């Protein structure tokens, strides 16, 4: 037999449940303003491309790597650069690394961002090594965003959707 306290708890639970369902329906109705329609799948290379008007791109994978790619070794010194094996993309000219490896404990470093001048020997720059970050993909890009890979040996798989 239900006492008054249990009856009150059941009534409160029903009220909260119905309120939750109504709130979910309201937010779902507002979220359904747009839909995505699959358009095509393609590969991005190191030639900059722009997401066309009325579409969004979903970057699903980055593969390949650039050998002797010059990057800033911020973990060592923000003014020091070194050459390593790097995979990643540029989105709106911002470098997004996927993998950085090949940096050793006795390695030549440079003071120029193209690794051609200001050579110093030798430093431990192993702190620059970085394994693939599983949280960067998939990456959704809205219309007007630019993207390219690091170089001719790196590629990105993209799915294009039309926004309706």
C-alpha atoms as a PDB file:
ATOM      1  CA  UNK A   1       0.000   0.000   0.000  1.00  0.00           C
ATOM      2  CA  UNK A   2       1.290   3.452  -0.899  1.00  0.00           C
ATOM      3  CA  UNK A   3       1.625   5.973   1.849  1.00  0.00           C
ATOM      4  CA  UNK A   4       1.336   9.727   1.279  1.00  0.00           C
ATOM      5  CA  UNK A   5       5.100  10.159   0.969  1.00  0.00           C
ATOM      6  CA  UNK A   6       5.448   7.486  -1.754  1.00  0.00           C
ATOM      7  CA  UNK A   7       2.408   8.863  -3.576  1.00  0.00           C
ATOM      8  CA  UNK A   8       3.987  12.346  -3.534  1.00  0.00           C
ATOM      9  CA  UNK A   9       7.283  10.951  -4.927  1.00  0.00           C
ATOM     10  CA  UNK A  10       5.482   9.137  -7.756  1.00  0.00           C
ATOM     11  CA  UNK A  11       3.519  12.294  -8.649  1.00  0.00           C
ATOM     12  CA  UNK A  12       6.701  14.351  -8.627  1.00  0.00           C
ATOM     13  CA  UNK A  13       8.496  11.769 -10.803  1.00  0.00           C
ATOM     14  CA  UNK A  14       5.630  11.818 -13.330  1.00  0.00           C
ATOM     15  CA  UNK A  15       5.697  15.631 -13.430  1.00  0.00           C
ATOM     16  CA  UNK A  16       9.481  15.696 -13.959  1.00  0.00           C
ATOM     17  CA  UNK A  17       9.310  12.988 -16.625  1.00  0.00           C
ATOM     18  CA  UNK A  18       6.558  14.773 -18.585  1.00  0.00           C
ATOM     19  CA  UNK A  19       8.449  18.095 -18.253  1.00  0.00           C
ATOM     20  CA  UNK A  20      11.653  16.455 -19.521  1.00  0.00           C
ATOM     21  CA  UNK A  21       9.878  14.948 -22.540  1.00  0.00           C
ATOM     22  CA  UNK A  22       8.272  18.290 -23.414  1.00  0.00           C
ATOM     23  CA  UNK A  23      11.585  20.137 -23.160  1.00  0.00           C
ATOM     24  CA  UNK A  24      13.261  17.536 -25.374  1.00  0.00           C
ATOM     25  CA  UNK A  25      10.514  17.868 -27.970  1.00  0.00           C
ATOM     26  CA  UNK A  26      10.820  21.662 -27.984  1.00  0.00           C
ATOM     27  CA  UNK A  27      14.617  21.584 -28.403  1.00  0.00           C
ATOM     28  CA  UNK A  28      14.387  18.850 -31.037  1.00  0.00           C
ATOM     29  CA  UNK A  29      11.905  20.900 -33.048  1.00  0.00           C
ATOM     30  CA  UNK A  30      14.249  23.893 -32.952  1.00  0.00           C
ATOM     31  CA  UNK A  31      17.285  21.798 -33.885  1.00  0.00           C
ATOM     32  CA  UNK A  32      15.594  20.427 -36.993  1.00  0.00           C
ATOM     33  CA  UNK A  33      15.760  23.754 -38.864  1.00  0.00           C
ATOM     34  CA  UNK A  34      18.393  22.383 -41.277  1.00  0.00           C
ATOM     35  CA  UNK A  35      19.208  19.003 -42.700  1.00  0.00           C
ATOM     36  CA  UNK A  36      22.324  17.665 -44.396  1.00  0.00           C
ATOM     37  CA  UNK A  37      22.220  15.830 -47.691  1.00  0.00           C
ATOM     38  CA  UNK A  38      25.214  13.745 -48.754  1.00  0.00           C
ATOM     39  CA  UNK A  39      26.849  15.158 -51.887  1.00  0.00           C
ATOM     40  CA  UNK A  40      30.278  13.589 -52.494  1.00  0.00           C
ATOM     41  CA  UNK A  41      33.500  12.150 -51.068  1.00  0.00           C
ATOM     42  CA  UNK A  42      36.891  13.478 -52.144  1.00  0.00           C
ATOM     43  CA  UNK A  43      40.559  13.907 -51.220  1.00  0.00           C
ATOM     44  CA  UNK A  44      42.238  17.167 -50.177  1.00  0.00           C
ATOM     45  CA  UNK A  45      45.939  17.713 -50.927  1.00  0.00           C
ATOM     46  CA  UNK A  46      48.307  20.642 -50.377  1.00  0.00           C
ATOM     47  CA  UNK A  47      46.386  22.904 -52.781  1.00  0.00           C
ATOM     48  CA  UNK A  48      44.190  25.186 -50.681  1.00  0.00           C
ATOM     49  CA  UNK A  49      40.458  24.624 -51.132  1.00  0.00           C
ATOM     50  CA  UNK A  50      37.485  26.542 -49.751  1.00  0.00           C
ATOM     51  CA  UNK A  51      34.256  25.007 -48.486  1.00  0.00           C
ATOM     52  CA  UNK A  52      31.603  26.223 -50.974  1.00  0.00           C
ATOM     53  CA  UNK A  53      28.565  28.259 -49.972  1.00  0.00           C
ATOM     54  CA  UNK A  54      25.637  26.078 -48.912  1.00  0.00           C
ATOM     55  CA  UNK A  55      27.801  23.120 -47.909  1.00  0.00           C
ATOM     56  CA  UNK A  56      29.707  21.746 -44.926  1.00  0.00           C
ATOM     57  CA  UNK A  57      32.697  19.412 -45.050  1.00  0.00           C
ATOM     58  CA  UNK A  58      33.476  16.596 -42.666  1.00  0.00           C
ATOM     59  CA  UNK A  59      37.199  15.735 -42.552  1.00  0.00           C
ATOM     60  CA  UNK A  60      37.295  12.044 -41.630  1.00  0.00           C
ATOM     61  CA  UNK A  61      40.974  11.117 -41.890  1.00  0.00           C
ATOM     62  CA  UNK A  62      44.458  12.503 -42.433  1.00  0.00           C
ATOM     63  CA  UNK A  63      47.085  10.196 -43.889  1.00  0.00           C
ATOM     64  CA  UNK A  64      50.595  10.363 -45.259  1.00  0.00           C
ATOM     65  CA  UNK A  65      53.447  12.388 -43.824  1.00  0.00           C
ATOM     66  CA  UNK A  66      55.992  15.017 -44.712  1.00  0.00           C
ATOM     67  CA  UNK A  67      59.641  14.138 -43.998  1.00  0.00           C
ATOM     68  CA  UNK A  68      62.049  16.905 -42.936  1.00  0.00           C
ATOM     69  CA  UNK A  69      59.113  19.226 -42.270  1.00  0.00           C
ATOM     70  CA  UNK A  70      60.194  22.326 -40.354  1.00  0.00           C
ATOM     71  CA  UNK A  71      58.075  23.130 -37.275  1.00  0.00           C
ATOM     72  CA  UNK A  72      58.370  25.306 -34.207  1.00  0.00           C
ATOM     73  CA  UNK A  73      59.581  23.344 -31.180  1.00  0.00           C
ATOM     74  CA  UNK A  74      57.581  25.346 -28.650  1.00  0.00           C
ATOM     75  CA  UNK A  75      58.126  22.777 -25.889  1.00  0.00           C
ATOM     76  CA  UNK A  76      61.874  23.450 -26.117  1.00  0.00           C
ATOM     77  CA  UNK A  77      61.967  27.163 -26.952  1.00  0.00           C
ATOM     78  CA  UNK A  78      59.338  29.271 -28.785  1.00  0.00           C
ATOM     79  CA  UNK A  79      62.063  30.680 -31.061  1.00  0.00           C
ATOM     80  CA  UNK A  80      63.533  27.320 -32.103  1.00  0.00           C
ATOM     81  CA  UNK A  81      62.625  25.218 -35.157  1.00  0.00           C
ATOM     82  CA  UNK A  82      63.599  21.691 -36.179  1.00  0.00           C
ATOM     83  CA  UNK A  83      62.897  19.184 -38.961  1.00  0.00           C
ATOM     84  CA  UNK A  84      60.786  16.132 -38.261  1.00  0.00           C
ATOM     85  CA  UNK A  85      58.199  13.780 -39.730  1.00  0.00           C
ATOM     86  CA  UNK A  86      54.822  15.518 -39.590  1.00  0.00           C
ATOM     87  CA  UNK A  87      51.240  14.825 -40.642  1.00  0.00           C
ATOM     88  CA  UNK A  88      48.434  17.367 -40.435  1.00  0.00           C
ATOM     89  CA  UNK A  89      46.389  20.066 -42.112  1.00  0.00           C
ATOM     90  CA  UNK A  90      46.000  23.831 -42.225  1.00  0.00           C
ATOM     91  CA  UNK A  91      42.488  25.150 -41.536  1.00  0.00           C
ATOM     92  CA  UNK A  92      42.169  28.883 -42.222  1.00  0.00           C
ATOM     93  CA  UNK A  93      45.993  28.937 -42.196  1.00  0.00           C
ATOM     94  CA  UNK A  94      46.144  27.475 -38.675  1.00  0.00           C
ATOM     95  CA  UNK A  95      48.361  24.383 -38.375  1.00  0.00           C
ATOM     96  CA  UNK A  96      46.478  21.394 -36.921  1.00  0.00           C
ATOM     97  CA  UNK A  97      48.947  18.535 -36.367  1.00  0.00           C
ATOM     98  CA  UNK A  98      47.889  14.926 -36.504  1.00  0.00           C
ATOM     99  CA  UNK A  99      51.260  13.294 -35.811  1.00  0.00           C
ATOM    100  CA  UNK A 100      54.688  14.744 -35.102  1.00  0.00           C
ATOM    101  CA  UNK A 101      57.600  12.342 -34.766  1.00  0.00           C
ATOM    102  CA  UNK A 102      61.251  11.820 -35.590  1.00  0.00           C
ATOM    103  CA  UNK A 103      62.643  14.387 -33.179  1.00  0.00           C
ATOM    104  CA  UNK A 104      65.723  13.082 -31.402  1.00  0.00           C
ATOM    105  CA  UNK A 105      67.712  13.845 -28.279  1.00  0.00           C
ATOM    106  CA  UNK A 106      70.675  15.162 -30.266  1.00  0.00           C
ATOM    107  CA  UNK A 107      69.338  17.093 -33.193  1.00  0.00           C
ATOM    108  CA  UNK A 108      70.167  20.169 -35.221  1.00  0.00           C
ATOM    109  CA  UNK A 109      67.888  23.131 -34.491  1.00  0.00           C
ATOM    110  CA  UNK A 110      67.336  26.424 -36.289  1.00  0.00           C
ATOM    111  CA  UNK A 111      66.358  29.997 -35.503  1.00  0.00           C
ATOM    112  CA  UNK A 112      64.473  30.489 -38.810  1.00  0.00           C
ATOM    113  CA  UNK A 113      60.962  29.206 -39.502  1.00  0.00           C
ATOM    114  CA  UNK A 114      62.073  27.537 -42.753  1.00  0.00           C
ATOM    115  CA  UNK A 115      64.959  25.632 -41.061  1.00  0.00           C
ATOM    116  CA  UNK A 116      67.589  27.073 -43.392  1.00  0.00           C
ATOM    117  CA  UNK A 117      69.444  29.653 -41.287  1.00  0.00           C
ATOM    118  CA  UNK A 118      70.644  30.008 -37.723  1.00  0.00           C
ATOM    119  CA  UNK A 119      71.687  26.393 -37.280  1.00  0.00           C
ATOM    120  CA  UNK A 120      72.675  25.204 -33.810  1.00  0.00           C
ATOM    121  CA  UNK A 121      73.936  21.792 -32.885  1.00  0.00           C
ATOM    122  CA  UNK A 122      72.714  19.799 -31.025  1.00  0.00           C
ATOM    123  CA  UNK A 123      69.721  19.777 -28.691  1.00  0.00           C
ATOM    124  CA  UNK A 124      67.252  17.348 -27.212  1.00  0.00           C
ATOM    125  CA  UNK A 125      63.975  18.191 -28.946  1.00  0.00           C
ATOM    126  CA  UNK A 126      62.168  14.898 -28.240  1.00  0.00           C
ATOM    127  CA  UNK A 127      59.488  16.910 -26.424  1.00  0.00           C
ATOM    128  CA  UNK A 128      58.132  17.861 -29.871  1.00  0.00           C
ATOM    129  CA  UNK A 129      57.111  14.275 -30.681  1.00  0.00           C
ATOM    130  CA  UNK A 130      53.325  13.944 -30.563  1.00  0.00           C
ATOM    131  CA  UNK A 131      51.175  10.938 -31.321  1.00  0.00           C
ATOM    132  CA  UNK A 132      47.904  11.194 -33.181  1.00  0.00           C
ATOM    133  CA  UNK A 133      45.253  13.078 -31.233  1.00  0.00           C
ATOM    134  CA  UNK A 134      42.033  11.041 -31.487  1.00  0.00           C
ATOM    135  CA  UNK A 135      39.968  14.122 -30.670  1.00  0.00           C
ATOM    136  CA  UNK A 136      40.750  16.165 -33.798  1.00  0.00           C
ATOM    137  CA  UNK A 137      38.703  13.986 -36.149  1.00  0.00           C
ATOM    138  CA  UNK A 138      36.119  14.097 -37.431  1.00  0.00           C
ATOM    139  CA  UNK A 139      36.446  17.817 -38.042  1.00  0.00           C
ATOM    140  CA  UNK A 140      33.425  19.737 -39.353  1.00  0.00           C
ATOM    141  CA  UNK A 141      34.157  22.775 -41.532  1.00  0.00           C
ATOM    142  CA  UNK A 142      31.495  25.400 -42.331  1.00  0.00           C
ATOM    143  CA  UNK A 143      31.177  27.240 -45.643  1.00  0.00           C
ATOM    144  CA  UNK A 144      33.975  29.690 -46.378  1.00  0.00           C
ATOM    145  CA  UNK A 145      36.615  27.724 -44.433  1.00  0.00           C
ATOM    146  CA  UNK A 146      39.931  27.055 -46.181  1.00  0.00           C
ATOM    147  CA  UNK A 147      41.833  23.787 -45.854  1.00  0.00           C
ATOM    148  CA  UNK A 148      44.988  22.208 -47.237  1.00  0.00           C
ATOM    149  CA  UNK A 149      47.422  19.519 -46.146  1.00  0.00           C
ATOM    150  CA  UNK A 150      51.009  20.150 -45.093  1.00  0.00           C
ATOM    151  CA  UNK A 151      52.604  19.031 -48.327  1.00  0.00           C
ATOM    152  CA  UNK A 152      52.447  16.783 -51.385  1.00  0.00           C
ATOM    153  CA  UNK A 153      52.700  13.543 -49.368  1.00  0.00           C
ATOM    154  CA  UNK A 154      49.813  14.219 -46.966  1.00  0.00           C
ATOM    155  CA  UNK A 155      46.121  13.857 -47.795  1.00  0.00           C
ATOM    156  CA  UNK A 156      42.755  14.296 -46.070  1.00  0.00           C
ATOM    157  CA  UNK A 157      39.527  12.455 -46.775  1.00  0.00           C
ATOM    158  CA  UNK A 158      36.467  14.711 -46.898  1.00  0.00           C
ATOM    159  CA  UNK A 159      32.714  14.134 -47.091  1.00  0.00           C
ATOM    160  CA  UNK A 160      30.688  17.038 -48.477  1.00  0.00           C
ATOM    161  CA  UNK A 161      27.109  17.676 -47.367  1.00  0.00           C
ATOM    162  CA  UNK A 162      24.630  20.164 -48.810  1.00  0.00           C
ATOM    163  CA  UNK A 163      22.849  22.202 -46.140  1.00  0.00           C
ATOM    164  CA  UNK A 164      19.090  22.227 -46.818  1.00  0.00           C
END
